[in-house]
Amino acid sequence: MSKVFLFDALREATDEEMSKDSSVFVLGEDVGHYGGSYKVTKDLHSKYGDLRVLDTPIAENSFMGMAIGSAMTGLRPIVEGMNMSFLLLAFNQISNNAGMLRYTSGGNFKIPLVIRGPGGVGRQLGAEHSQRLESYFQSIPGLKMVACSTPYNAKGLLKSAIKDDNPVVFFEHVLLYNLKESIPTKEYYLPLDKAELVREGNDLTILTYSRMRHHVIQAVNFLVKENYNPEVLDLISLKPIDIITIVKSLRKTNKLLIVEECMKTGGIGAEIIAQINDKYFDLLDAPIIRLSSQDIPTPYNGNLENATVVHPQQIIDSVRMLVK
């Protein structure tokens, strides 16, 4: 075991896959000489050179198109968005080409493409740099979406995403890059379509992902002192949603609390509620509670920004309300 930061775990995953497969390459703004805006590609340029760690102009639509075209020819591009919000400029390429070309080509083309980078509400980054794009991308056919939350799952998931023959949007939270934990030195891969059981319990199921996993754990550490026993699931896979694991937990607890940083309207939580209400409504002993970010642009002011996202106390209060 070795203790690493989350950004180092991502760098290790990229380096390992690039060293094994010459078709894997990285492109994006400042990924080369600078080493990435959060140092995920640090030192890779000196090891692999200009063609495999490719600095691009500030032209997201163009270099996304280049990545998709290279994937069609058999390469395995990893696109880093300096900030995931910037990739809205490449939305047409991601939706109409990356997501659909395998289908519209009758299966003649595979699109082994990873789109990764920082997102989420940081610390006073302003509205345009504080977006959560999972709600934007979840309705695009053909895309997979993954949200890492720890150094361990970040490395295993990214390695699996690079090997996958489908386009994977890989969400990293800007405030988790300096999270540190021990991870195996031996090579490992993690499934892209499975939720993680973080904590077993029987009072209720708390469903979360990305940075909110850590807010949930803070709340749970307090709640167990009051003799609550919640089960905690980290979604990991935002598309497809691992409804089988969620339902398995619900059959045991019969209560559900969803905690997300995504916007409430049309978010991941909204999709989960719809799926459960459609097919598993009889498992519920109480209405589902959903804690999401406010449907407003994220303010620059620190106090106002803080008020737009979910905090551990809200989770504690919601658990008390559900488990009476």
Protein backbone atom coordinates (compact mmCIF):
# COMPACT_ATOMS: atom_id res chain seq x y z
CA MET A 1 0.00 0.00 0.00
CA SER A 2 1.15 3.54 -0.70
CA LYS A 3 -0.44 6.80 0.44
CA VAL A 4 -1.22 9.16 -2.43
CA PHE A 5 -3.28 12.23 -3.24
CA LEU A 6 -6.28 11.80 -5.51
CA PHE A 7 -4.59 13.77 -8.32
CA ASP A 8 -1.57 11.45 -8.05
CA ALA A 9 -3.84 8.39 -8.21
CA LEU A 10 -5.29 9.71 -11.47
CA ARG A 11 -1.79 10.40 -12.79
CA GLU A 12 -0.68 6.87 -11.88
CA ALA A 13 -3.69 5.39 -13.70
CA THR A 14 -2.94 7.41 -16.82
CA ASP A 15 0.77 6.59 -16.73
CA GLU A 16 0.16 2.86 -16.25
CA GLU A 17 -2.25 2.63 -19.18
CA MET A 18 -0.04 4.77 -21.44
CA SER A 19 2.97 2.60 -20.67
CA LYS A 20 1.06 -0.58 -21.59
CA ASP A 21 -0.78 0.69 -24.70
CA SER A 22 0.78 3.04 -27.23
CA SER A 23 -2.69 3.96 -28.56
CA VAL A 24 -3.51 5.81 -25.31
CA PHE A 25 -2.76 9.54 -25.39
CA VAL A 26 -3.77 12.70 -23.54
CA LEU A 27 -4.87 16.01 -25.00
CA GLY A 28 -6.20 19.25 -23.60
CA GLU A 29 -5.27 22.71 -22.43
CA ASP A 30 -1.97 22.87 -20.49
CA VAL A 31 -1.75 19.07 -20.08
CA GLY A 32 1.79 18.92 -21.47
CA HIS A 33 4.60 21.21 -20.36
CA TYR A 34 2.54 22.63 -17.47
CA GLY A 35 1.37 19.21 -16.26
CA GLY A 36 -2.35 19.99 -16.10
CA SER A 37 -4.16 22.66 -14.12
CA TYR A 38 -4.36 20.25 -11.13
CA LYS A 39 -1.15 18.33 -11.95
CA VAL A 40 -2.88 15.14 -13.05
CA THR A 41 -0.52 14.91 -16.07
CA LYS A 42 2.61 16.15 -14.30
CA ASP A 43 5.85 14.77 -15.82
CA LEU A 44 3.99 12.71 -18.44
CA HIS A 45 5.07 15.05 -21.24
CA SER A 46 8.77 14.48 -20.56
CA LYS A 47 8.16 10.71 -20.53
CA TYR A 48 5.91 10.35 -23.58
CA GLY A 49 6.55 13.44 -25.72
CA ASP A 50 4.47 15.97 -27.63
CA LEU A 51 2.34 13.56 -29.66
CA ARG A 52 1.07 11.53 -26.69
CA VAL A 53 0.65 14.42 -24.24
CA LEU A 54 -0.70 17.03 -26.57
CA ASP A 55 -1.17 20.66 -25.58
CA THR A 56 -4.13 22.11 -27.46
CA PRO A 57 -5.32 25.65 -28.18
CA ILE A 58 -8.27 27.03 -26.22
CA ALA A 59 -10.67 25.46 -28.72
CA GLU A 60 -12.76 22.83 -26.94
CA ASN A 61 -15.09 22.00 -29.83
CA SER A 62 -12.13 21.46 -32.16
CA PHE A 63 -9.96 19.28 -29.95
CA MET A 64 -12.97 17.24 -28.82
CA GLY A 65 -13.72 16.56 -32.47
CA MET A 66 -10.08 15.59 -33.02
CA ALA A 67 -10.26 13.19 -30.06
CA ILE A 68 -13.45 11.56 -31.35
CA GLY A 69 -11.96 11.19 -34.82
CA SER A 70 -8.81 9.60 -33.40
CA ALA A 71 -10.95 7.18 -31.36
CA MET A 72 -12.73 6.14 -34.56
CA THR A 73 -9.36 5.21 -36.07
CA GLY A 74 -8.35 3.01 -33.12
CA LEU A 75 -6.60 5.37 -30.72
CA ARG A 76 -7.66 5.82 -27.09
CA PRO A 77 -7.74 9.54 -26.30
CA ILE A 78 -8.08 11.01 -22.81
CA VAL A 79 -9.42 14.55 -23.03
CA GLU A 80 -8.77 16.77 -20.03
CA GLY A 81 -11.09 19.71 -19.63
CA MET A 82 -9.20 22.34 -17.65
CA ASN A 83 -12.58 22.91 -16.05
CA MET A 84 -15.53 20.68 -16.95
CA SER A 85 -17.65 23.78 -17.52
CA PHE A 86 -15.50 24.57 -20.57
CA LEU A 87 -16.68 21.37 -22.23
CA LEU A 88 -20.09 22.93 -22.77
CA LEU A 89 -18.34 24.52 -25.77
CA ALA A 90 -17.87 20.97 -27.10
CA PHE A 91 -21.40 19.82 -26.29
CA ASN A 92 -22.27 19.20 -29.93
CA GLN A 93 -19.26 16.94 -30.42
CA ILE A 94 -19.95 15.04 -27.20
CA SER A 95 -23.66 14.54 -27.82
CA ASN A 96 -24.00 14.13 -31.58
CA ASN A 97 -20.69 12.39 -32.25
CA ALA A 98 -19.13 10.76 -29.18
CA GLY A 99 -22.44 9.49 -27.85
CA MET A 100 -24.08 8.40 -31.09
CA LEU A 101 -21.43 7.39 -33.66
CA ARG A 102 -21.24 3.75 -32.58
CA TYR A 103 -24.98 3.49 -33.21
CA THR A 104 -25.23 5.69 -36.31
CA SER A 105 -22.32 3.83 -37.93
CA GLY A 106 -24.11 0.53 -37.45
CA GLY A 107 -21.43 -0.58 -35.02
CA ASN A 108 -18.59 0.00 -37.51
CA PHE A 109 -16.87 2.44 -35.17
CA LYS A 110 -16.04 2.15 -31.51
CA ILE A 111 -15.43 5.35 -29.53
CA PRO A 112 -12.92 4.51 -26.76
CA LEU A 113 -12.79 8.02 -25.34
CA VAL A 114 -12.37 9.37 -21.79
CA ILE A 115 -13.48 12.93 -21.04
CA ARG A 116 -12.22 13.92 -17.60
CA GLY A 117 -11.53 16.99 -15.51
CA PRO A 118 -12.43 19.07 -12.46
CA GLY A 119 -15.95 20.23 -11.69
CA GLY A 120 -18.30 20.94 -8.83
CA VAL A 121 -18.53 23.85 -6.42
CA GLY A 122 -15.02 24.86 -5.35
CA ARG A 123 -14.07 27.82 -3.21
CA GLN A 124 -15.19 31.09 -4.78
CA LEU A 125 -14.56 30.08 -8.38
CA GLY A 126 -17.65 31.92 -9.60
CA ALA A 127 -20.75 30.65 -11.38
CA GLU A 128 -19.16 29.60 -14.68
CA HIS A 129 -16.42 27.56 -12.96
CA SER A 130 -18.69 25.90 -10.39
CA GLN A 131 -20.99 23.85 -12.57
CA ARG A 132 -22.08 20.25 -12.19
CA LEU A 133 -22.52 18.86 -15.69
CA GLU A 134 -23.85 15.42 -14.82
CA SER A 135 -27.42 16.66 -15.28
CA TYR A 136 -26.48 18.00 -18.74
CA PHE A 137 -24.95 14.75 -19.98
CA GLN A 138 -27.19 12.11 -18.40
CA SER A 139 -29.78 12.15 -21.19
CA ILE A 140 -27.26 11.66 -24.04
CA PRO A 141 -27.54 8.11 -25.46
CA GLY A 142 -24.26 6.22 -25.67
CA LEU A 143 -22.36 7.96 -22.89
CA LYS A 144 -21.23 6.41 -19.63
CA MET A 145 -20.77 8.71 -16.62
CA VAL A 146 -18.60 8.02 -13.59
CA ALA A 147 -17.89 10.15 -10.50
CA CYS A 148 -14.83 9.28 -8.41
CA SER A 149 -14.69 10.18 -4.73
CA THR A 150 -11.50 8.71 -3.24
CA PRO A 151 -7.93 8.11 -4.46
CA TYR A 152 -8.63 4.37 -4.45
CA ASN A 153 -11.69 4.45 -6.66
CA ALA A 154 -10.29 7.29 -8.80
CA LYS A 155 -7.38 5.14 -9.95
CA GLY A 156 -9.31 1.92 -10.49
CA LEU A 157 -12.16 3.64 -12.29
CA LEU A 158 -9.93 5.71 -14.59
CA LYS A 159 -7.97 2.62 -15.64
CA SER A 160 -11.24 0.87 -16.47
CA ALA A 161 -12.54 3.92 -18.33
CA ILE A 162 -9.41 4.06 -20.50
CA LYS A 163 -9.86 0.39 -21.43
CA ASP A 164 -13.58 0.75 -22.18
CA ASP A 165 -14.63 0.85 -25.84
CA ASN A 166 -17.34 3.44 -25.16
CA PRO A 167 -17.12 7.17 -24.34
CA VAL A 168 -16.86 7.75 -20.60
CA VAL A 169 -17.39 11.14 -18.95
CA PHE A 170 -15.25 11.01 -15.81
CA PHE A 171 -16.17 13.54 -13.13
CA GLU A 172 -13.56 14.69 -10.60
CA HIS A 173 -14.43 17.16 -7.86
CA VAL A 174 -12.18 20.18 -7.65
CA LEU A 175 -12.04 20.00 -3.83
CA LEU A 176 -11.05 16.32 -3.69
CA TYR A 177 -7.72 16.44 -5.54
CA ASN A 178 -5.77 16.82 -2.28
CA LEU A 179 -7.63 13.99 -0.55
CA LYS A 180 -5.05 11.42 0.54
CA GLU A 181 -5.34 7.71 1.33
CA SER A 182 -3.47 4.44 0.97
CA ILE A 183 -4.05 2.53 -2.26
CA PRO A 184 -2.67 -0.84 -3.40
CA THR A 185 0.69 -0.84 -5.16
CA LYS A 186 -0.53 -3.84 -7.14
CA GLU A 187 -2.49 -3.04 -10.31
CA TYR A 188 -6.28 -3.06 -9.99
CA TYR A 189 -9.40 -2.11 -11.94
CA LEU A 190 -12.87 -1.18 -10.70
CA PRO A 191 -16.20 -1.69 -12.52
CA LEU A 192 -17.71 1.41 -14.14
CA ASP A 193 -21.32 0.37 -13.56
CA LYS A 194 -21.44 -0.57 -9.86
CA ALA A 195 -22.31 1.46 -6.77
CA GLU A 196 -20.08 1.04 -3.71
CA LEU A 197 -21.44 -0.04 -0.34
CA VAL A 198 -19.59 2.41 1.93
CA ARG A 199 -21.33 1.45 5.17
CA GLU A 200 -23.82 -1.27 6.07
CA GLY A 201 -26.88 -0.35 8.12
CA ASN A 202 -30.61 -0.98 8.42
CA ASP A 203 -32.34 2.27 9.46
CA LEU A 204 -32.33 3.96 6.04
CA THR A 205 -30.32 4.13 2.82
CA ILE A 206 -28.27 7.26 2.12
CA LEU A 207 -27.37 7.51 -1.55
CA THR A 208 -24.64 9.94 -2.58
CA TYR A 209 -21.62 10.46 -4.85
CA SER A 210 -18.49 12.57 -5.39
CA ARG A 211 -17.69 15.18 -2.69
CA MET A 212 -21.02 14.63 -0.91
CA ARG A 213 -19.81 11.15 0.11
CA HIS A 214 -17.54 12.88 2.61
CA HIS A 215 -20.29 15.16 3.92
CA VAL A 216 -22.45 12.07 4.43
CA ILE A 217 -19.67 10.28 6.33
CA GLN A 218 -19.27 13.32 8.60
CA ALA A 219 -23.00 13.26 9.31
CA VAL A 220 -23.05 9.49 9.88
CA ASN A 221 -20.16 9.70 12.35
CA PHE A 222 -22.35 12.02 14.42
CA LEU A 223 -25.58 10.05 13.92
CA VAL A 224 -24.17 6.74 15.16
CA LYS A 225 -23.63 8.41 18.54
CA GLU A 226 -27.42 8.85 18.66
CA ASN A 227 -27.87 5.13 17.83
CA TYR A 228 -28.87 5.63 14.19
CA ASN A 229 -27.64 2.95 11.82
CA PRO A 230 -27.74 4.24 8.23
CA GLU A 231 -26.58 2.34 5.14
CA VAL A 232 -24.45 4.45 2.80
CA LEU A 233 -24.06 3.87 -0.95
CA ASP A 234 -21.70 5.79 -3.22
CA LEU A 235 -23.31 5.75 -6.67
CA ILE A 236 -19.98 5.85 -8.58
CA SER A 237 -21.83 5.14 -11.85
CA LEU A 238 -24.10 8.06 -12.73
CA LYS A 239 -25.00 6.46 -16.03
CA PRO A 240 -26.09 3.74 -16.06
CA ILE A 241 -27.45 4.02 -12.51
CA ASP A 242 -26.88 0.81 -10.54
CA ILE A 243 -30.53 0.46 -9.60
CA ILE A 244 -30.01 -3.20 -8.59
CA THR A 245 -27.70 -2.27 -5.71
CA ILE A 246 -29.99 0.60 -4.67
CA VAL A 247 -33.05 -1.65 -4.60
CA LYS A 248 -31.18 -4.36 -2.69
CA SER A 249 -30.48 -1.80 0.03
CA LEU A 250 -34.04 -0.43 -0.07
CA ARG A 251 -35.50 -3.90 0.49
CA LYS A 252 -33.63 -3.86 3.81
CA THR A 253 -34.16 -0.25 4.96
CA ASN A 254 -37.37 0.89 3.17
CA LYS A 255 -36.29 4.53 3.46
CA LEU A 256 -34.14 6.63 1.13
CA LEU A 257 -32.22 9.87 1.49
CA ILE A 258 -30.42 11.20 -1.60
CA VAL A 259 -27.55 13.65 -1.07
CA GLU A 260 -26.02 15.30 -4.13
CA GLU A 261 -24.26 18.46 -5.20
CA CYS A 262 -26.09 18.40 -8.53
CA MET A 263 -28.90 20.87 -9.18
CA LYS A 264 -32.26 19.65 -7.92
CA THR A 265 -34.15 20.19 -11.18
CA GLY A 266 -33.41 17.39 -13.64
CA GLY A 267 -30.51 16.08 -11.57
CA ILE A 268 -29.24 12.58 -10.85
CA GLY A 269 -31.42 12.41 -7.73
CA ALA A 270 -34.50 13.25 -9.77
CA GLU A 271 -33.76 10.35 -12.14
CA ILE A 272 -33.30 7.91 -9.26
CA ILE A 273 -36.59 9.00 -7.66
CA ALA A 274 -38.38 8.53 -11.00
CA GLN A 275 -36.98 5.01 -11.43
CA ILE A 276 -37.90 3.98 -7.89
CA ASN A 277 -41.39 5.46 -8.11
CA ASP A 278 -41.95 3.70 -11.44
CA LYS A 279 -40.95 0.20 -10.36
CA TYR A 280 -40.21 -0.04 -6.64
CA PHE A 281 -42.66 2.33 -4.95
CA ASP A 282 -44.00 -0.46 -2.71
CA LEU A 283 -40.59 -0.76 -1.02
CA LEU A 284 -40.89 2.72 0.49
CA ASP A 285 -42.20 3.25 4.02
CA ALA A 286 -41.73 7.03 3.76
CA PRO A 287 -41.37 9.64 1.00
CA ILE A 288 -37.86 9.94 -0.44
CA ILE A 289 -35.95 12.98 0.80
CA ARG A 290 -33.61 14.66 -1.69
CA LEU A 291 -30.91 17.14 -0.65
CA SER A 292 -29.52 18.96 -3.68
CA SER A 293 -27.87 22.25 -4.56
CA GLN A 294 -30.00 25.33 -5.08
CA ASP A 295 -31.21 25.96 -8.64
CA ILE A 296 -29.25 29.19 -8.97
CA PRO A 297 -25.88 30.22 -10.41
CA THR A 298 -23.25 29.61 -7.73
CA PRO A 299 -22.42 32.96 -6.09
CA TYR A 300 -18.84 34.22 -5.86
CA ASN A 301 -19.43 35.50 -2.32
CA GLY A 302 -18.15 32.80 0.04
CA ASN A 303 -21.06 32.90 2.48
CA LEU A 304 -23.65 32.83 -0.29
CA GLU A 305 -21.78 30.08 -2.12
CA ASN A 306 -21.77 28.04 1.08
CA ALA A 307 -25.53 28.43 1.40
CA THR A 308 -26.18 26.88 -2.04
CA VAL A 309 -24.76 23.41 -1.29
CA VAL A 310 -25.70 20.63 1.14
CA HIS A 311 -23.95 20.43 4.52
CA PRO A 312 -23.69 17.66 7.15
CA GLN A 313 -26.23 19.28 9.49
CA GLN A 314 -28.93 19.10 6.81
CA ILE A 315 -28.16 15.40 6.38
CA ILE A 316 -28.40 14.85 10.14
CA ASP A 317 -31.76 16.66 10.31
CA SER A 318 -33.12 14.66 7.33
CA VAL A 319 -32.13 11.34 8.88
CA ARG A 320 -33.85 12.28 12.13
CA MET A 321 -36.97 13.19 10.14
CA LEU A 322 -37.00 9.89 8.17
CA VAL A 323 -36.21 7.63 11.14
CA LYS A 324 -38.67 8.62 13.81
